[in-house]
C-alpha atoms as a PDB file:
ATOM      1  CA  MET A   1      -0.235  -0.198   0.378  1.00  0.00           C
ATOM      2  CA  ALA A   2       1.146   3.940  -0.693  1.00  0.00           C
ATOM      3  CA  THR A   3       2.372   5.665   1.966  1.00  0.00           C
ATOM      4  CA  ALA A   4       0.447   9.390   2.704  1.00  0.00           C
ATOM      5  CA  ASN A   5       3.325  11.778   0.718  1.00  0.00           C
ATOM      6  CA  GLN A   6       2.775   9.369  -2.793  1.00  0.00           C
ATOM      7  CA  ILE A   7      -0.873   9.302  -3.011  1.00  0.00           C
ATOM      8  CA  GLN A   8      -1.274  13.240  -2.052  1.00  0.00           C
ATOM      9  CA  PHE A   9       1.556  13.741  -4.470  1.00  0.00           C
ATOM     10  CA  ARG A  10      -0.378  11.556  -7.598  1.00  0.00           C
ATOM     11  CA  LEU A  11      -3.899  13.707  -6.794  1.00  0.00           C
ATOM     12  CA  LYS A  12      -1.447  16.674  -6.818  1.00  0.00           C
ATOM     13  CA  LEU A  13      -0.248  15.666 -10.379  1.00  0.00           C
ATOM     14  CA  ALA A  14      -3.903  14.169 -11.305  1.00  0.00           C
ATOM     15  CA  LYS A  15      -5.767  17.867 -10.071  1.00  0.00           C
ATOM     16  CA  LYS A  16      -2.272  19.694 -11.906  1.00  0.00           C
ATOM     17  CA  THR A  17      -4.036  17.327 -15.644  1.00  0.00           C
ATOM     18  CA  PHE A  18      -7.425  18.382 -15.086  1.00  0.00           C
ATOM     19  CA  THR A  19      -6.999  21.330 -14.940  1.00  0.00           C
ATOM     20  CA  THR A  20      -4.447  21.789 -17.805  1.00  0.00           C
ATOM     21  CA  ALA A  21      -6.825  19.684 -19.716  1.00  0.00           C
ATOM     22  CA  GLY A  22      -9.825  21.972 -18.616  1.00  0.00           C
ATOM     23  CA  LYS A  23      -7.686  24.893 -20.055  1.00  0.00           C
ATOM     24  CA  VAL A  24      -8.180  23.552 -23.378  1.00  0.00           C
ATOM     25  CA  VAL A  25     -11.406  22.115 -23.419  1.00  0.00           C
ATOM     26  CA  THR A  26     -12.378  25.796 -22.300  1.00  0.00           C
ATOM     27  CA  ALA A  27     -10.282  27.375 -25.635  1.00  0.00           C
ATOM     28  CA  THR A  28     -11.580  24.913 -27.923  1.00  0.00           C
ATOM     29  CA  LYS A  29     -14.700  25.516 -27.182  1.00  0.00           C
ATOM     30  CA  ASN A  30     -14.140  29.337 -28.244  1.00  0.00           C
ATOM     31  CA  ARG A  31     -12.206  28.774 -30.744  1.00  0.00           C
ATOM     32  CA  ILE A  32     -14.825  26.388 -32.391  1.00  0.00           C
ATOM     33  CA  THR A  33     -17.857  29.770 -31.528  1.00  0.00           C
ATOM     34  CA  LYS A  34     -16.078  31.153 -32.981  1.00  0.00           C
ATOM     35  CA  LEU A  35     -15.336  29.291 -36.396  1.00  0.00           C
ATOM     36  CA  GLU A  36     -19.093  28.593 -36.146  1.00  0.00           C
ATOM     37  CA  ALA A  37     -20.091  32.394 -36.147  1.00  0.00           C
ATOM     38  CA  GLU A  38     -17.389  33.286 -39.119  1.00  0.00           C
ATOM     39  CA  LEU A  39     -19.170  30.635 -40.842  1.00  0.00           C
ATOM     40  CA  LYS A  40     -22.511  31.643 -40.479  1.00  0.00           C
ATOM     41  CA  LYS A  41     -21.459  35.076 -41.772  1.00  0.00           C
ATOM     42  CA  ALA A  42     -19.792  33.443 -44.686  1.00  0.00           C
ATOM     43  CA  LYS A  43     -22.781  31.839 -45.484  1.00  0.00           C
ATOM     44  CA  ALA A  44     -25.062  34.070 -45.397  1.00  0.00           C
ATOM     45  CA  ALA A  45     -22.699  36.360 -47.660  1.00  0.00           C
ATOM     46  CA  GLU A  46     -22.490  33.550 -50.410  1.00  0.00           C
ATOM     47  CA  ALA A  47     -26.648  33.237 -50.539  1.00  0.00           C
ATOM     48  CA  LYS A  48     -26.632  37.108 -50.752  1.00  0.00           C
ATOM     49  CA  ALA A  49     -24.140  37.282 -53.372  1.00  0.00           C
ATOM     50  CA  LYS A  50     -27.026  34.629 -55.167  1.00  0.00           C
ATOM     51  CA  LYS A  51     -30.304  36.193 -54.661  1.00  0.00           C
ATOM     52  CA  LYS A  52     -28.595  39.903 -56.828  1.00  0.00           C
ATOM     53  CA  LYS A  53     -30.059  40.351 -59.950  1.00  0.00           C
ATOM     54  CA  PRO A  54     -27.038  40.356 -63.013  1.00  0.00           C
ATOM     55  CA  VAL A  55     -25.636  43.373 -64.309  1.00  0.00           C
ATOM     56  CA  ALA A  56     -28.376  44.718 -67.104  1.00  0.00           C
ATOM     57  CA  ARG A  57     -26.083  44.092 -70.587  1.00  0.00           C
ATOM     58  CA  LYS A  58     -25.833  46.861 -72.893  1.00  0.00           C
ATOM     59  CA  LYS A  59     -27.985  47.253 -75.634  1.00  0.00           C
ATOM     60  CA  PRO A  60     -24.913  45.910 -78.812  1.00  0.00           C
ATOM     61  CA  ALA A  61     -24.167  49.360 -81.249  1.00  0.00           C
ATOM     62  CA  ALA A  62     -26.185  49.158 -84.347  1.00  0.00           C
ATOM     63  CA  LYS A  63     -24.875  47.692 -87.355  1.00  0.00           C
ATOM     64  CA  LYS A  64     -23.458  50.095 -89.836  1.00  0.00           C
ATOM     65  CA  LYS A  65     -24.570  50.391 -93.366  1.00  0.00           C
ATOM     66  CA  PRO A  66     -22.181  48.403 -95.800  1.00  0.00           C
ATOM     67  CA  ALA A  67     -19.991  51.035 -97.366  1.00  0.00           C
ATOM     68  CA  ALA A  68     -21.740  51.960-101.460  1.00  0.00           C
ATOM     69  CA  LYS A  69     -19.200  49.608-103.709  1.00  0.00           C
ATOM     70  CA  LYS A  70     -16.908  51.739-106.155  1.00  0.00           C
ATOM     71  CA  LYS A  71     -16.887  50.947-109.561  1.00  0.00           C
ATOM     72  CA  PRO A  72     -13.284  48.773-110.563  1.00  0.00           C
ATOM     73  CA  VAL A  73     -11.055  50.661-111.729  1.00  0.00           C
ATOM     74  CA  ALA A  74      -8.307  49.854-113.992  1.00  0.00           C
ATOM     75  CA  LYS A  75      -4.911  49.810-112.454  1.00  0.00           C
ATOM     76  CA  LYS A  76      -2.158  52.289-114.007  1.00  0.00           C
ATOM     77  CA  LYS A  77       0.588  50.343-115.450  1.00  0.00           C
ATOM     78  CA  ALA A  78       4.089  51.901-113.252  1.00  0.00           C
ATOM     79  CA  VAL A  79       6.020  53.595-116.330  1.00  0.00           C
ATOM     80  CA  ALA A  80       9.863  53.945-115.084  1.00  0.00           C
ATOM     81  CA  ARG A  81      10.728  57.194-114.905  1.00  0.00           C
ATOM     82  CA  LYS A  82      13.822  58.873-116.218  1.00  0.00           C
ATOM     83  CA  LYS A  83      16.179  59.841-113.861  1.00  0.00           C
ATOM     84  CA  PRO A  84      16.476  64.228-114.351  1.00  0.00           C
ATOM     85  CA  ALA A  85      20.311  65.386-115.355  1.00  0.00           C
ATOM     86  CA  ALA A  86      22.228  66.046-113.186  1.00  0.00           C
ATOM     87  CA  LYS A  87      23.054  70.178-112.778  1.00  0.00           C
ATOM     88  CA  LYS A  88      26.294  70.281-113.345  1.00  0.00           C
ATOM     89  CA  LYS A  89      28.144  73.395-111.027  1.00  0.00           C
ATOM     90  CA  PRO A  90      28.467  76.746-112.686  1.00  0.00           C
ATOM     91  CA  VAL A  91      31.882  77.397-112.947  1.00  0.00           C
ATOM     92  CA  ALA A  92      34.047  80.029-111.990  1.00  0.00           C
ATOM     93  CA  ARG A  93      33.850  82.399-115.433  1.00  0.00           C
ATOM     94  CA  LYS A  94      37.659  84.764-115.953  1.00  0.00           C
ATOM     95  CA  LYS A  95      37.066  88.742-116.865  1.00  0.00           C
ATOM     96  CA  PRO A  96      38.730  89.006-120.553  1.00  0.00           C
ATOM     97  CA  ALA A  97      41.726  91.394-120.153  1.00  0.00           C
ATOM     98  CA  ALA A  98      41.049  94.380-120.800  1.00  0.00           C
ATOM     99  CA  LYS A  99      42.341  95.473-124.377  1.00  0.00           C
ATOM    100  CA  LYS A 100      45.381  98.144-123.681  1.00  0.00           C
ATOM    101  CA  LYS A 101      45.156 101.107-125.520  1.00  0.00           C
END
């Protein structure tokens, strides 16, 4: 049989574990209630989003009438152009010598 001190020691350990377990249980309960409240809000938001009316679509722009067809015009043939003659540089002219009398 165990002594009184041993029994007392075991009783203290049992009480400690019980209190820590109790704290964990209460913390878990609080967490559960918070999560349930969050879930309720999320479901309400989803339901509200589903109920929302779809946005009215804009009318499509009126189609433009096709432009009147133009009569086909014969294409002009490309004519080879003559190169313009290169301009000559003006040459400096010498003045005629004055006649001596």
